[in-house]
Amino acid sequence: MKKNKKYKDWLIEKLKDHDEAVAYLNAALEESLKEDEESKHLFLIALRNVVEAQGGMNKLAKKAHVGRESLYKTLSEKGNPKWCTLISLIISLGLNLRLS
């Protein structure tokens, strides 16, 4: 369990860098578009990690004008956010979404 905590700390530290966070989210988005059930929630998990690295749920909730509890639920493994909520979160993180 200790190794996992160290990895999580390392990941959060890396995701404080904007370019690292973008690359991480792009990889997670690509993986989440696979057909298997397990992959579908990877983007939300990745977004939750980036939120933690960029100041936490409370800070983002205020910036995105959503409730903190709602944000936790939205970014949970079973979360199913509305498109407008997802876009609001992405914009509040200073990111944009592009498809190619």
Protein backbone atom coordinates (compact mmCIF):
# COMPACT_ATOMS: atom_id res chain seq x y z
CA MET A 1 0.00 0.00 0.00
CA LYS A 2 2.87 2.35 0.70
CA LYS A 3 4.10 2.22 -2.92
CA ASN A 4 0.64 3.20 -4.14
CA LYS A 5 0.66 6.30 -1.92
CA LYS A 6 4.07 7.29 -3.22
CA TYR A 7 2.88 6.88 -6.80
CA LYS A 8 -0.21 8.99 -6.13
CA ASP A 9 1.94 11.72 -4.56
CA TRP A 10 4.31 11.60 -7.54
CA LEU A 11 1.40 11.73 -10.01
CA ILE A 12 -0.25 14.69 -8.29
CA GLU A 13 3.06 16.55 -8.26
CA LYS A 14 3.56 15.92 -12.00
CA LEU A 15 0.00 17.01 -12.80
CA LYS A 16 0.62 20.45 -11.32
CA ASP A 17 2.38 21.19 -14.61
CA HIS A 18 -0.15 22.31 -17.24
CA ASP A 19 1.48 20.44 -20.14
CA GLU A 20 1.72 17.23 -18.11
CA ALA A 21 -1.94 17.53 -17.11
CA VAL A 22 -2.98 18.03 -20.74
CA ALA A 23 -0.99 15.00 -21.94
CA TYR A 24 -2.39 12.90 -19.09
CA LEU A 25 -5.99 13.91 -19.84
CA ASN A 26 -5.54 13.30 -23.57
CA ALA A 27 -4.20 9.79 -22.92
CA ALA A 28 -7.07 9.08 -20.52
CA LEU A 29 -9.64 10.38 -23.00
CA GLU A 30 -8.25 8.19 -25.77
CA GLU A 31 -8.27 5.16 -23.49
CA SER A 32 -11.80 5.90 -22.25
CA LEU A 33 -13.15 5.72 -25.79
CA LYS A 34 -12.46 1.99 -25.95
CA GLU A 35 -15.46 -0.29 -25.97
CA ASP A 36 -14.87 -2.10 -22.66
CA GLU A 37 -16.78 -1.08 -19.54
CA GLU A 38 -13.66 -0.59 -17.40
CA SER A 39 -12.17 2.05 -19.71
CA LYS A 40 -15.27 4.25 -19.82
CA HIS A 41 -14.57 5.99 -16.52
CA LEU A 42 -10.84 6.57 -16.98
CA PHE A 43 -11.28 10.16 -18.14
CA LEU A 44 -13.28 11.07 -15.02
CA ILE A 45 -10.65 9.47 -12.79
CA ALA A 46 -7.91 11.36 -14.65
CA LEU A 47 -9.87 14.60 -14.39
CA ARG A 48 -10.26 14.04 -10.65
CA ASN A 49 -6.48 13.59 -10.33
CA VAL A 50 -5.85 16.81 -12.26
CA VAL A 51 -8.37 18.67 -10.10
CA GLU A 52 -6.54 17.47 -6.99
CA ALA A 53 -3.21 18.60 -8.43
CA GLN A 54 -4.55 21.98 -9.50
CA GLY A 55 -5.84 23.03 -6.10
CA GLY A 56 -8.53 20.57 -5.11
CA MET A 57 -12.27 20.09 -5.35
CA ASN A 58 -13.19 23.08 -3.22
CA LYS A 59 -11.25 25.54 -5.38
CA LEU A 60 -12.59 24.11 -8.64
CA ALA A 61 -16.17 23.94 -7.33
CA LYS A 62 -16.09 27.66 -6.59
CA LYS A 63 -14.51 28.48 -9.92
CA ALA A 64 -16.95 26.32 -11.89
CA HIS A 65 -19.95 27.46 -9.82
CA VAL A 66 -20.94 23.95 -8.77
CA GLY A 67 -21.39 22.48 -5.33
CA ARG A 68 -18.40 20.67 -3.85
CA GLU A 69 -20.49 17.58 -3.06
CA SER A 70 -21.87 17.62 -6.59
CA LEU A 71 -18.34 17.83 -7.96
CA TYR A 72 -17.22 14.83 -5.90
CA LYS A 73 -20.19 12.85 -7.21
CA THR A 74 -19.59 13.99 -10.79
CA LEU A 75 -15.95 12.89 -10.72
CA SER A 76 -16.54 9.62 -8.89
CA GLU A 77 -15.89 6.33 -10.66
CA LYS A 78 -19.64 5.99 -11.16
CA GLY A 79 -20.10 9.62 -12.12
CA ASN A 80 -22.12 10.46 -15.18
CA PRO A 81 -21.71 14.21 -15.68
CA LYS A 82 -23.82 16.29 -17.98
CA TRP A 83 -21.91 17.66 -20.96
CA CYS A 84 -22.32 21.26 -19.76
CA THR A 85 -20.88 20.33 -16.34
CA LEU A 86 -17.89 18.62 -17.92
CA ILE A 87 -17.21 21.61 -20.18
CA SER A 88 -17.52 23.99 -17.22
CA LEU A 89 -14.94 21.96 -15.29
CA ILE A 90 -12.54 21.84 -18.22
CA ILE A 91 -12.79 25.59 -18.77
CA SER A 92 -12.35 26.26 -15.04
CA LEU A 93 -9.11 24.27 -15.13
CA GLY A 94 -7.86 26.51 -17.93
CA LEU A 95 -8.09 23.71 -20.49
CA ASN A 96 -9.96 23.26 -23.74
CA LEU A 97 -11.23 20.19 -25.55
CA ARG A 98 -10.34 19.35 -29.13
CA LEU A 99 -11.15 16.35 -31.24
CA SER A 100 -9.14 15.20 -34.21
